[in-house]
Structure formats: C-alpha cells, structure tokens
Amino acid sequence: MDRRLRKELIRAYREAPKEMGVYRVHCPQTGRGVIGSSRDLASMLNRQRAQLSMGAHSDRALQEDWDALGGEAFLFEVLDRLPPREDPGYDPAEDLAELARMWQERLARG
C-alpha cells in the first residue's frame, strides 16, 4: 500500500464518527457485571476485555469471576446506541449518563 493512501485511510478512520452508547460486561453464571457508557463503544469494550485478561479490572468481583470461569463465560454487549448529532457544540456526556442510568434501573428490575 502506498504511503499516501495509507495516510488517507488513517485520516478517514480518525475523522469517522464513533458509535456512542451504553454497554454491559456481564457474567451470566454469577449475575455480576458492569454497565457503562462511552463515546466510543468498540474501544471501550476492547478496553474492558483487555483489563480483565490482564487481571487489572477495577471491579474486583468481576475480575474474580473472569479468573475462575474464563472469558468464555462473559458477554460483552452494546445495550443502546446514541445517534450522532450534527450540532458541532453538542456534548453527549449528559445524554450518555442518563441512558446508562436508565439501563441500570431497567436491568435491576429484571
């Protein structure tokens, strides 16, 4: 691949809108999991998996489940997506936090 094309592909990737929303990392066998929101769902799910794989996840109970049961026992899910907006001044932080709160309530009810 020539250098110019490579640079163009990298630039296009960086400028492409990232998928925002709410995610869950969950161990169905134990019922434990974490729910969070991110401006870049794919990167966040990769980060969660990497932290668990390296034994460095901040949720100790979830880390213990991973260590005992292995990665095959876990689900990495996108629960909801926040559509991108055209408004250049839009900050999705509040909307993402509210969406995560709604999902926590919904899942807590069963």
PDB file of N, CA and C in Angstrom:
ATOM      1  N   MET A   1       0.856  -1.169   0.000  1.00  0.00           N
ATOM      2  CA  MET A   1       0.000   0.000   0.000  1.00  0.00           C
ATOM      3  C   MET A   1       0.903   1.234   0.000  1.00  0.00           C
ATOM      4  N   ASP A   2       0.604   2.171  -0.875  1.00  0.00           N
ATOM      5  CA  ASP A   2       1.473   3.348  -0.911  1.00  0.00           C
ATOM      6  C   ASP A   2       1.203   4.253   0.284  1.00  0.00           C
ATOM      7  N   ARG A   3       2.171   5.054   0.586  1.00  0.00           N
ATOM      8  CA  ARG A   3       2.159   5.884   1.794  1.00  0.00           C
ATOM      9  C   ARG A   3       1.006   6.895   1.821  1.00  0.00           C
ATOM     10  N   ARG A   4       0.734   7.486   0.661  1.00  0.00           N
ATOM     11  CA  ARG A   4      -0.337   8.478   0.589  1.00  0.00           C
ATOM     12  C   ARG A   4      -1.706   7.849   0.872  1.00  0.00           C
ATOM     13  N   LEU A   5      -1.952   6.696   0.303  1.00  0.00           N
ATOM     14  CA  LEU A   5      -3.206   6.002   0.531  1.00  0.00           C
ATOM     15  C   LEU A   5      -3.334   5.600   2.005  1.00  0.00           C
ATOM     16  N   ARG A   6      -2.264   5.131   2.573  1.00  0.00           N
ATOM     17  CA  ARG A   6      -2.270   4.745   3.995  1.00  0.00           C
ATOM     18  C   ARG A   6      -2.618   5.939   4.886  1.00  0.00           C
ATOM     19  N   LYS A   7      -2.001   7.089   4.620  1.00  0.00           N
ATOM     20  CA  LYS A   7      -2.285   8.300   5.397  1.00  0.00           C
ATOM     21  C   LYS A   7      -3.748   8.710   5.248  1.00  0.00           C
ATOM     22  N   GLU A   8      -4.276   8.606   4.048  1.00  0.00           N
ATOM     23  CA  GLU A   8      -5.670   8.966   3.797  1.00  0.00           C
ATOM     24  C   GLU A   8      -6.613   8.029   4.555  1.00  0.00           C
ATOM     25  N   LEU A   9      -6.325   6.748   4.562  1.00  0.00           N
ATOM     26  CA  LEU A   9      -7.156   5.789   5.290  1.00  0.00           C
ATOM     27  C   LEU A   9      -7.117   6.055   6.797  1.00  0.00           C
ATOM     28  N   ILE A  10      -5.962   6.366   7.325  1.00  0.00           N
ATOM     29  CA  ILE A  10      -5.824   6.676   8.749  1.00  0.00           C
ATOM     30  C   ILE A  10      -6.608   7.935   9.098  1.00  0.00           C
ATOM     31  N   ARG A  11      -6.485   8.963   8.257  1.00  0.00           N
ATOM     32  CA  ARG A  11      -7.220  10.205   8.489  1.00  0.00           C
ATOM     33  C   ARG A  11      -8.722   9.963   8.448  1.00  0.00           C
ATOM     34  N   ALA A  12      -9.191   9.194   7.485  1.00  0.00           N
ATOM     35  CA  ALA A  12     -10.620   8.907   7.369  1.00  0.00           C
ATOM     36  C   ALA A  12     -11.120   8.144   8.599  1.00  0.00           C
ATOM     37  N   TYR A  13     -10.322   7.202   9.080  1.00  0.00           N
ATOM     38  CA  TYR A  13     -10.704   6.442  10.274  1.00  0.00           C
ATOM     39  C   TYR A  13     -10.829   7.360  11.489  1.00  0.00           C
ATOM     40  N   ARG A  14      -9.869   8.228  11.673  1.00  0.00           N
ATOM     41  CA  ARG A  14      -9.877   9.135  12.831  1.00  0.00           C
ATOM     42  C   ARG A  14     -11.029  10.125  12.780  1.00  0.00           C
ATOM     43  N   GLU A  15     -11.430  10.530  11.583  1.00  0.00           N
ATOM     44  CA  GLU A  15     -12.495  11.515  11.443  1.00  0.00           C
ATOM     45  C   GLU A  15     -13.886  10.892  11.434  1.00  0.00           C
ATOM     46  N   ALA A  16     -13.977   9.597  11.232  1.00  0.00           N
ATOM     47  CA  ALA A  16     -15.280   8.934  11.185  1.00  0.00           C
ATOM     48  C   ALA A  16     -15.937   9.001  12.564  1.00  0.00           C
ATOM     49  N   PRO A  17     -17.236   9.244  12.593  1.00  0.00           N
ATOM     50  CA  PRO A  17     -17.910   9.290  13.897  1.00  0.00           C
ATOM     51  C   PRO A  17     -17.865   7.928  14.567  1.00  0.00           C
ATOM     52  N   LYS A  18     -17.604   7.937  15.848  1.00  0.00           N
ATOM     53  CA  LYS A  18     -17.555   6.707  16.632  1.00  0.00           C
ATOM     54  C   LYS A  18     -18.950   6.390  17.151  1.00  0.00           C
ATOM     55  N   GLU A  19     -19.231   5.117  17.315  1.00  0.00           N
ATOM     56  CA  GLU A  19     -20.517   4.697  17.835  1.00  0.00           C
ATOM     57  C   GLU A  19     -20.549   4.932  19.347  1.00  0.00           C
ATOM     58  N   MET A  20     -21.525   5.735  19.803  1.00  0.00           N
ATOM     59  CA  MET A  20     -21.669   6.073  21.224  1.00  0.00           C
ATOM     60  C   MET A  20     -22.838   5.298  21.798  1.00  0.00           C
ATOM     61  N   GLY A  21     -22.767   5.047  23.115  1.00  0.00           N
ATOM     62  CA  GLY A  21     -23.904   4.398  23.742  1.00  0.00           C
ATOM     63  C   GLY A  21     -23.573   3.753  25.064  1.00  0.00           C
ATOM     64  N   VAL A  22     -24.404   2.768  25.422  1.00  0.00           N
ATOM     65  CA  VAL A  22     -24.316   2.081  26.703  1.00  0.00           C
ATOM     66  C   VAL A  22     -23.900   0.630  26.442  1.00  0.00           C
ATOM     67  N   TYR A  23     -23.000   0.132  27.280  1.00  0.00           N
ATOM     68  CA  TYR A  23     -22.506  -1.233  27.142  1.00  0.00           C
ATOM     69  C   TYR A  23     -22.653  -1.971  28.471  1.00  0.00           C
ATOM     70  N   ARG A  24     -22.543  -3.298  28.376  1.00  0.00           N
ATOM     71  CA  ARG A  24     -22.539  -4.123  29.584  1.00  0.00           C
ATOM     72  C   ARG A  24     -21.544  -5.252  29.395  1.00  0.00           C
ATOM     73  N   VAL A  25     -20.746  -5.484  30.428  1.00  0.00           N
ATOM     74  CA  VAL A  25     -19.885  -6.649  30.521  1.00  0.00           C
ATOM     75  C   VAL A  25     -20.504  -7.489  31.623  1.00  0.00           C
ATOM     76  N   HIS A  26     -20.858  -8.734  31.289  1.00  0.00           N
ATOM     77  CA  HIS A  26     -21.732  -9.498  32.171  1.00  0.00           C
ATOM     78  C   HIS A  26     -21.313 -10.963  32.206  1.00  0.00           C
ATOM     79  N   CYS A  27     -21.358 -11.540  33.400  1.00  0.00           N
ATOM     80  CA  CYS A  27     -21.126 -12.967  33.584  1.00  0.00           C
ATOM     81  C   CYS A  27     -22.467 -13.591  33.967  1.00  0.00           C
ATOM     82  N   PRO A  28     -23.178 -14.231  33.028  1.00  0.00           N
ATOM     83  CA  PRO A  28     -24.497 -14.790  33.329  1.00  0.00           C
ATOM     84  C   PRO A  28     -24.478 -15.848  34.442  1.00  0.00           C
ATOM     85  N   GLN A  29     -23.368 -16.575  34.565  1.00  0.00           N
ATOM     86  CA  GLN A  29     -23.307 -17.629  35.590  1.00  0.00           C
ATOM     87  C   GLN A  29     -23.395 -17.069  37.008  1.00  0.00           C
ATOM     88  N   THR A  30     -22.790 -15.903  37.231  1.00  0.00           N
ATOM     89  CA  THR A  30     -22.798 -15.313  38.573  1.00  0.00           C
ATOM     90  C   THR A  30     -23.778 -14.157  38.695  1.00  0.00           C
ATOM     91  N   GLY A  31     -24.210 -13.619  37.556  1.00  0.00           N
ATOM     92  CA  GLY A  31     -25.107 -12.475  37.569  1.00  0.00           C
ATOM     93  C   GLY A  31     -24.402 -11.147  37.752  1.00  0.00           C
ATOM     94  N   ARG A  32     -23.086 -11.180  37.881  1.00  0.00           N
ATOM     95  CA  ARG A  32     -22.344  -9.925  38.079  1.00  0.00           C
ATOM     96  C   ARG A  32     -21.980  -9.304  36.736  1.00  0.00           C
ATOM     97  N   GLY A  33     -21.864  -7.982  36.766  1.00  0.00           N
ATOM     98  CA  GLY A  33     -21.474  -7.279  35.562  1.00  0.00           C
ATOM     99  C   GLY A  33     -21.315  -5.796  35.820  1.00  0.00           C
ATOM    100  N   VAL A  34     -20.899  -5.096  34.798  1.00  0.00           N
ATOM    101  CA  VAL A  34     -20.793  -3.644  34.856  1.00  0.00           C
ATOM    102  C   VAL A  34     -21.535  -3.065  33.660  1.00  0.00           C
ATOM    103  N   ILE A  35     -22.152  -1.921  33.905  1.00  0.00           N
ATOM    104  CA  ILE A  35     -22.827  -1.164  32.861  1.00  0.00           C
ATOM    105  C   ILE A  35     -22.146   0.183  32.802  1.00  0.00           C
ATOM    106  N   GLY A  36     -21.882   0.649  31.603  1.00  0.00           N
ATOM    107  CA  GLY A  36     -21.255   1.953  31.452  1.00  0.00           C
ATOM    108  C   GLY A  36     -21.645   2.578  30.133  1.00  0.00           C
ATOM    109  N   SER A  37     -21.180   3.780  29.930  1.00  0.00           N
ATOM    110  CA  SER A  37     -21.429   4.475  28.670  1.00  0.00           C
ATOM    111  C   SER A  37     -20.101   4.959  28.116  1.00  0.00           C
ATOM    112  N   SER A  38     -20.085   5.149  26.806  1.00  0.00           N
ATOM    113  CA  SER A  38     -18.845   5.568  26.166  1.00  0.00           C
ATOM    114  C   SER A  38     -19.143   6.322  24.877  1.00  0.00           C
ATOM    115  N   ARG A  39     -18.241   7.212  24.548  1.00  0.00           N
ATOM    116  CA  ARG A  39     -18.303   7.920  23.258  1.00  0.00           C
ATOM    117  C   ARG A  39     -17.738   7.055  22.136  1.00  0.00           C
ATOM    118  N   ASP A  40     -17.094   5.942  22.505  1.00  0.00           N
ATOM    119  CA  ASP A  40     -16.515   5.017  21.536  1.00  0.00           C
ATOM    120  C   ASP A  40     -16.710   3.600  22.068  1.00  0.00           C
ATOM    121  N   LEU A  41     -17.847   3.009  21.723  1.00  0.00           N
ATOM    122  CA  LEU A  41     -18.215   1.706  22.267  1.00  0.00           C
ATOM    123  C   LEU A  41     -17.205   0.608  21.934  1.00  0.00           C
ATOM    124  N   ALA A  42     -16.760   0.552  20.709  1.00  0.00           N
ATOM    125  CA  ALA A  42     -15.829  -0.510  20.312  1.00  0.00           C
ATOM    126  C   ALA A  42     -14.548  -0.449  21.138  1.00  0.00           C
ATOM    127  N   SER A  43     -14.004   0.741  21.303  1.00  0.00           N
ATOM    128  CA  SER A  43     -12.777   0.891  22.084  1.00  0.00           C
ATOM    129  C   SER A  43     -13.010   0.545  23.547  1.00  0.00           C
ATOM    130  N   MET A  44     -14.148   0.945  24.098  1.00  0.00           N
ATOM    131  CA  MET A  44     -14.427   0.669  25.499  1.00  0.00           C
ATOM    132  C   MET A  44     -14.589  -0.827  25.748  1.00  0.00           C
ATOM    133  N   LEU A  45     -15.285  -1.520  24.868  1.00  0.00           N
ATOM    134  CA  LEU A  45     -15.435  -2.961  25.047  1.00  0.00           C
ATOM    135  C   LEU A  45     -14.087  -3.667  24.925  1.00  0.00           C
ATOM    136  N   ASN A  46     -13.241  -3.210  24.018  1.00  0.00           N
ATOM    137  CA  ASN A  46     -11.886  -3.768  23.909  1.00  0.00           C
ATOM    138  C   ASN A  46     -11.100  -3.511  25.190  1.00  0.00           C
ATOM    139  N   ARG A  47     -11.242  -2.317  25.746  1.00  0.00           N
ATOM    140  CA  ARG A  47     -10.531  -1.974  26.980  1.00  0.00           C
ATOM    141  C   ARG A  47     -10.995  -2.856  28.139  1.00  0.00           C
ATOM    142  N   GLN A  48     -12.307  -3.050  28.251  1.00  0.00           N
ATOM    143  CA  GLN A  48     -12.846  -3.893  29.316  1.00  0.00           C
ATOM    144  C   GLN A  48     -12.282  -5.320  29.213  1.00  0.00           C
ATOM    145  N   ARG A  49     -12.286  -5.866  28.002  1.00  0.00           N
ATOM    146  CA  ARG A  49     -11.763  -7.215  27.789  1.00  0.00           C
ATOM    147  C   ARG A  49     -10.274  -7.277  28.121  1.00  0.00           C
ATOM    148  N   ALA A  50      -9.523  -6.280  27.704  1.00  0.00           N
ATOM    149  CA  ALA A  50      -8.079  -6.260  27.969  1.00  0.00           C
ATOM    150  C   ALA A  50      -7.801  -6.177  29.464  1.00  0.00           C
ATOM    151  N   GLN A  51      -8.525  -5.343  30.180  1.00  0.00           N
ATOM    152  CA  GLN A  51      -8.318  -5.225  31.626  1.00  0.00           C
ATOM    153  C   GLN A  51      -8.606  -6.542  32.329  1.00  0.00           C
ATOM    154  N   LEU A  52      -9.679  -7.201  31.942  1.00  0.00           N
ATOM    155  CA  LEU A  52      -9.998  -8.493  32.538  1.00  0.00           C
ATOM    156  C   LEU A  52      -8.931  -9.530  32.193  1.00  0.00           C
ATOM    157  N   SER A  53      -8.490  -9.546  30.958  1.00  0.00           N
ATOM    158  CA  SER A  53      -7.471 -10.504  30.514  1.00  0.00           C
ATOM    159  C   SER A  53      -6.153 -10.323  31.246  1.00  0.00           C
ATOM    160  N   MET A  54      -5.834  -9.078  31.584  1.00  0.00           N
ATOM    161  CA  MET A  54      -4.566  -8.790  32.271  1.00  0.00           C
ATOM    162  C   MET A  54      -4.699  -8.823  33.792  1.00  0.00           C
ATOM    163  N   GLY A  55      -5.894  -9.098  34.289  1.00  0.00           N
ATOM    164  CA  GLY A  55      -6.100  -9.146  35.737  1.00  0.00           C
ATOM    165  C   GLY A  55      -6.115  -7.786  36.386  1.00  0.00           C
ATOM    166  N   ALA A  56      -6.496  -6.756  35.627  1.00  0.00           N
ATOM    167  CA  ALA A  56      -6.401  -5.385  36.116  1.00  0.00           C
ATOM    168  C   ALA A  56      -7.740  -4.650  36.125  1.00  0.00           C
ATOM    169  N   HIS A  57      -8.848  -5.367  36.097  1.00  0.00           N
ATOM    170  CA  HIS A  57     -10.146  -4.695  36.062  1.00  0.00           C
ATOM    171  C   HIS A  57     -10.450  -4.067  37.420  1.00  0.00           C
ATOM    172  N   SER A  58     -11.080  -2.908  37.412  1.00  0.00           N
ATOM    173  CA  SER A  58     -11.368  -2.187  38.661  1.00  0.00           C
ATOM    174  C   SER A  58     -12.473  -2.845  39.484  1.00  0.00           C
ATOM    175  N   ASP A  59     -13.344  -3.622  38.856  1.00  0.00           N
ATOM    176  CA  ASP A  59     -14.387  -4.337  39.587  1.00  0.00           C
ATOM    177  C   ASP A  59     -13.807  -5.689  40.015  1.00  0.00           C
ATOM    178  N   ARG A  60     -13.422  -5.782  41.270  1.00  0.00           N
ATOM    179  CA  ARG A  60     -12.719  -6.972  41.763  1.00  0.00           C
ATOM    180  C   ARG A  60     -13.570  -8.235  41.674  1.00  0.00           C
ATOM    181  N   ALA A  61     -14.866  -8.141  41.980  1.00  0.00           N
ATOM    182  CA  ALA A  61     -15.731  -9.324  41.910  1.00  0.00           C
ATOM    183  C   ALA A  61     -15.812  -9.835  40.476  1.00  0.00           C
ATOM    184  N   LEU A  62     -15.928  -8.924  39.520  1.00  0.00           N
ATOM    185  CA  LEU A  62     -15.975  -9.309  38.116  1.00  0.00           C
ATOM    186  C   LEU A  62     -14.643  -9.939  37.702  1.00  0.00           C
ATOM    187  N   GLN A  63     -13.544  -9.380  38.191  1.00  0.00           N
ATOM    188  CA  GLN A  63     -12.227  -9.924  37.888  1.00  0.00           C
ATOM    189  C   GLN A  63     -12.097 -11.344  38.442  1.00  0.00           C
ATOM    190  N   GLU A  64     -12.610 -11.557  39.643  1.00  0.00           N
ATOM    191  CA  GLU A  64     -12.571 -12.902  40.239  1.00  0.00           C
ATOM    192  C   GLU A  64     -13.373 -13.895  39.406  1.00  0.00           C
ATOM    193  N   ASP A  65     -14.525 -13.459  38.896  1.00  0.00           N
ATOM    194  CA  ASP A  65     -15.321 -14.328  38.024  1.00  0.00           C
ATOM    195  C   ASP A  65     -14.537 -14.682  36.767  1.00  0.00           C
ATOM    196  N   TRP A  66     -13.891 -13.694  36.180  1.00  0.00           N
ATOM    197  CA  TRP A  66     -13.090 -13.920  34.972  1.00  0.00           C
ATOM    198  C   TRP A  66     -11.972 -14.918  35.261  1.00  0.00           C
ATOM    199  N   ASP A  67     -11.290 -14.713  36.371  1.00  0.00           N
ATOM    200  CA  ASP A  67     -10.176 -15.595  36.721  1.00  0.00           C
ATOM    201  C   ASP A  67     -10.654 -17.028  36.952  1.00  0.00           C
ATOM    202  N   ALA A  68     -11.818 -17.187  37.560  1.00  0.00           N
ATOM    203  CA  ALA A  68     -12.334 -18.514  37.884  1.00  0.00           C
ATOM    204  C   ALA A  68     -12.991 -19.210  36.691  1.00  0.00           C
ATOM    205  N   LEU A  69     -13.724 -18.446  35.875  1.00  0.00           N
ATOM    206  CA  LEU A  69     -14.548 -19.045  34.828  1.00  0.00           C
ATOM    207  C   LEU A  69     -14.005 -18.855  33.412  1.00  0.00           C
ATOM    208  N   GLY A  70     -13.128 -17.889  33.233  1.00  0.00           N
ATOM    209  CA  GLY A  70     -12.562 -17.631  31.907  1.00  0.00           C
ATOM    210  C   GLY A  70     -13.428 -16.706  31.072  1.00  0.00           C
ATOM    211  N   GLY A  71     -12.841 -16.208  30.015  1.00  0.00           N
ATOM    212  CA  GLY A  71     -13.510 -15.246  29.150  1.00  0.00           C
ATOM    213  C   GLY A  71     -14.722 -15.786  28.422  1.00  0.00           C
ATOM    214  N   GLU A  72     -14.775 -17.115  28.223  1.00  0.00           N
ATOM    215  CA  GLU A  72     -15.906 -17.716  27.517  1.00  0.00           C
ATOM    216  C   GLU A  72     -17.211 -17.554  28.293  1.00  0.00           C
ATOM    217  N   ALA A  73     -17.111 -17.314  29.588  1.00  0.00           N
ATOM    218  CA  ALA A  73     -18.294 -17.183  30.439  1.00  0.00           C
ATOM    219  C   ALA A  73     -18.868 -15.768  30.434  1.00  0.00           C
ATOM    220  N   PHE A  74     -18.274 -14.857  29.664  1.00  0.00           N
ATOM    221  CA  PHE A  74     -18.667 -13.449  29.692  1.00  0.00           C
ATOM    222  C   PHE A  74     -19.341 -13.009  28.406  1.00  0.00           C
ATOM    223  N   LEU A  75     -20.257 -12.045  28.562  1.00  0.00           N
ATOM    224  CA  LEU A  75     -20.891 -11.379  27.430  1.00  0.00           C
ATOM    225  C   LEU A  75     -20.443  -9.924  27.414  1.00  0.00           C
ATOM    226  N   PHE A  76     -20.104  -9.440  26.248  1.00  0.00           N
ATOM    227  CA  PHE A  76     -19.743  -8.036  26.033  1.00  0.00           C
ATOM    228  C   PHE A  76     -20.799  -7.486  25.082  1.00  0.00           C
ATOM    229  N   GLU A  77     -21.702  -6.668  25.634  1.00  0.00           N
ATOM    230  CA  GLU A  77     -22.884  -6.260  24.888  1.00  0.00           C
ATOM    231  C   GLU A  77     -22.989  -4.751  24.711  1.00  0.00           C
ATOM    232  N   VAL A  78     -23.525  -4.354  23.577  1.00  0.00           N
ATOM    233  CA  VAL A  78     -23.972  -2.975  23.379  1.00  0.00           C
ATOM    234  C   VAL A  78     -25.461  -2.988  23.682  1.00  0.00           C
ATOM    235  N   LEU A  79     -25.856  -2.266  24.722  1.00  0.00           N
ATOM    236  CA  LEU A  79     -27.260  -2.240  25.134  1.00  0.00           C
ATOM    237  C   LEU A  79     -28.070  -1.198  24.379  1.00  0.00           C
ATOM    238  N   ASP A  80     -27.431  -0.076  24.067  1.00  0.00           N
ATOM    239  CA  ASP A  80     -28.154   1.014  23.421  1.00  0.00           C
ATOM    240  C   ASP A  80     -27.148   1.916  22.719  1.00  0.00           C
ATOM    241  N   ARG A  81     -27.585   2.536  21.661  1.00  0.00           N
ATOM    242  CA  ARG A  81     -26.733   3.457  20.909  1.00  0.00           C
ATOM    243  C   ARG A  81     -27.327   4.856  20.948  1.00  0.00           C
ATOM    244  N   LEU A  82     -26.448   5.839  21.009  1.00  0.00           N
ATOM    245  CA  LEU A  82     -26.856   7.235  20.962  1.00  0.00           C
ATOM    246  C   LEU A  82     -26.500   7.745  19.566  1.00  0.00           C
ATOM    247  N   PRO A  83     -27.503   8.125  18.789  1.00  0.00           N
ATOM    248  CA  PRO A  83     -27.199   8.566  17.423  1.00  0.00           C
ATOM    249  C   PRO A  83     -26.370   9.852  17.418  1.00  0.00           C
ATOM    250  N   PRO A  84     -25.451   9.964  16.456  1.00  0.00           N
ATOM    251  CA  PRO A  84     -24.640  11.186  16.381  1.00  0.00           C
ATOM    252  C   PRO A  84     -25.499  12.379  15.984  1.00  0.00           C
ATOM    253  N   ARG A  85     -25.082  13.552  16.422  1.00  0.00           N
ATOM    254  CA  ARG A  85     -25.785  14.796  16.074  1.00  0.00           C
ATOM    255  C   ARG A  85     -24.893  15.643  15.190  1.00  0.00           C
ATOM    256  N   GLU A  86     -25.534  16.449  14.405  1.00  0.00           N
ATOM    257  CA  GLU A  86     -24.807  17.336  13.502  1.00  0.00           C
ATOM    258  C   GLU A  86     -24.312  18.599  14.211  1.00  0.00           C
ATOM    259  N   ASP A  87     -24.899  18.917  15.361  1.00  0.00           N
ATOM    260  CA  ASP A  87     -24.540  20.119  16.110  1.00  0.00           C
ATOM    261  C   ASP A  87     -23.097  20.025  16.587  1.00  0.00           C
ATOM    262  N   PRO A  88     -22.198  20.898  16.101  1.00  0.00           N
ATOM    263  CA  PRO A  88     -20.785  20.806  16.487  1.00  0.00           C
ATOM    264  C   PRO A  88     -20.531  21.113  17.959  1.00  0.00           C
ATOM    265  N   GLY A  89     -21.438  21.787  18.639  1.00  0.00           N
ATOM    266  CA  GLY A  89     -21.252  22.112  20.044  1.00  0.00           C
ATOM    267  C   GLY A  89     -21.859  21.080  20.990  1.00  0.00           C
ATOM    268  N   TYR A  90     -22.441  20.041  20.446  1.00  0.00           N
ATOM    269  CA  TYR A  90     -23.124  19.036  21.258  1.00  0.00           C
ATOM    270  C   TYR A  90     -22.133  18.222  22.081  1.00  0.00           C
ATOM    271  N   ASP A  91     -22.396  18.124  23.375  1.00  0.00           N
ATOM    272  CA  ASP A  91     -21.603  17.284  24.273  1.00  0.00           C
ATOM    273  C   ASP A  91     -22.515  16.147  24.734  1.00  0.00           C
ATOM    274  N   PRO A  92     -22.224  14.907  24.367  1.00  0.00           N
ATOM    275  CA  PRO A  92     -23.122  13.796  24.680  1.00  0.00           C
ATOM    276  C   PRO A  92     -23.014  13.278  26.119  1.00  0.00           C
ATOM    277  N   ALA A  93     -22.160  13.851  26.942  1.00  0.00           N
ATOM    278  CA  ALA A  93     -21.896  13.313  28.282  1.00  0.00           C
ATOM    279  C   ALA A  93     -23.170  13.134  29.108  1.00  0.00           C
ATOM    280  N   GLU A  94     -24.012  14.143  29.167  1.00  0.00           N
ATOM    281  CA  GLU A  94     -25.240  14.048  29.970  1.00  0.00           C
ATOM    282  C   GLU A  94     -26.203  13.018  29.400  1.00  0.00           C
ATOM    283  N   ASP A  95     -26.347  12.999  28.093  1.00  0.00           N
ATOM    284  CA  ASP A  95     -27.249  12.029  27.462  1.00  0.00           C
ATOM    285  C   ASP A  95     -26.755  10.605  27.692  1.00  0.00           C
ATOM    286  N   LEU A  96     -25.459  10.391  27.595  1.00  0.00           N
ATOM    287  CA  LEU A  96     -24.899   9.062  27.831  1.00  0.00           C
ATOM    288  C   LEU A  96     -25.092   8.629  29.286  1.00  0.00           C
ATOM    289  N   ALA A  97     -24.874   9.542  30.218  1.00  0.00           N
ATOM    290  CA  ALA A  97     -25.047   9.229  31.638  1.00  0.00           C
ATOM    291  C   ALA A  97     -26.505   8.878  31.939  1.00  0.00           C
ATOM    292  N   GLU A  98     -27.426   9.622  31.369  1.00  0.00           N
ATOM    293  CA  GLU A  98     -28.851   9.349  31.584  1.00  0.00           C
ATOM    294  C   GLU A  98     -29.247   8.007  30.969  1.00  0.00           C
ATOM    295  N   LEU A  99     -28.752   7.719  29.789  1.00  0.00           N
ATOM    296  CA  LEU A  99     -29.048   6.450  29.135  1.00  0.00           C
ATOM    297  C   LEU A  99     -28.511   5.280  29.971  1.00  0.00           C
ATOM    298  N   ALA A 100     -27.308   5.417  30.508  1.00  0.00           N
ATOM    299  CA  ALA A 100     -26.732   4.374  31.365  1.00  0.00           C
ATOM    300  C   ALA A 100     -27.564   4.191  32.627  1.00  0.00           C
ATOM    301  N   ARG A 101     -28.000   5.300  33.234  1.00  0.00           N
ATOM    302  CA  ARG A 101     -28.832   5.228  34.439  1.00  0.00           C
ATOM    303  C   ARG A 101     -30.136   4.493  34.148  1.00  0.00           C
ATOM    304  N   MET A 102     -30.751   4.786  33.012  1.00  0.00           N
ATOM    305  CA  MET A 102     -31.996   4.131  32.634  1.00  0.00           C
ATOM    306  C   MET A 102     -31.797   2.621  32.472  1.00  0.00           C
ATOM    307  N   TRP A 103     -30.683   2.230  31.864  1.00  0.00           N
ATOM    308  CA  TRP A 103     -30.401   0.807  31.683  1.00  0.00           C
ATOM    309  C   TRP A 103     -30.117   0.118  33.017  1.00  0.00           C
ATOM    310  N   GLN A 104     -29.431   0.802  33.911  1.00  0.00           N
ATOM    311  CA  GLN A 104     -29.178   0.209  35.232  1.00  0.00           C
ATOM    312  C   GLN A 104     -30.493  -0.063  35.953  1.00  0.00           C
ATOM    313  N   GLU A 105     -31.406   0.892  35.904  1.00  0.00           N
ATOM    314  CA  GLU A 105     -32.711   0.718  36.530  1.00  0.00           C
ATOM    315  C   GLU A 105     -33.487  -0.428  35.868  1.00  0.00           C
ATOM    316  N   ARG A 106     -33.477  -0.435  34.559  1.00  0.00           N
ATOM    317  CA  ARG A 106     -34.215  -1.457  33.802  1.00  0.00           C
ATOM    318  C   ARG A 106     -33.710  -2.864  34.124  1.00  0.00           C
ATOM    319  N   LEU A 107     -32.402  -3.040  34.163  1.00  0.00           N
ATOM    320  CA  LEU A 107     -31.827  -4.358  34.433  1.00  0.00           C
ATOM    321  C   LEU A 107     -31.953  -4.746  35.894  1.00  0.00           C
ATOM    322  N   ALA A 108     -31.974  -3.775  36.780  1.00  0.00           N
ATOM    323  CA  ALA A 108     -32.137  -4.070  38.213  1.00  0.00           C
ATOM    324  C   ALA A 108     -33.544  -4.610  38.506  1.00  0.00           C
ATOM    325  N   ARG A 109     -34.515  -4.149  37.733  1.00  0.00           N
ATOM    326  CA  ARG A 109     -35.894  -4.621  37.888  1.00  0.00           C
ATOM    327  C   ARG A 109     -36.072  -6.037  37.375  1.00  0.00           C
ATOM    328  N   GLY A 110     -35.165  -6.435  36.466  1.00  0.00           N
ATOM    329  CA  GLY A 110     -35.251  -7.794  35.927  1.00  0.00           C
ATOM    330  C   GLY A 110     -36.064  -7.837  34.735  1.00  0.00           C
TER     331      GLY A 110
END
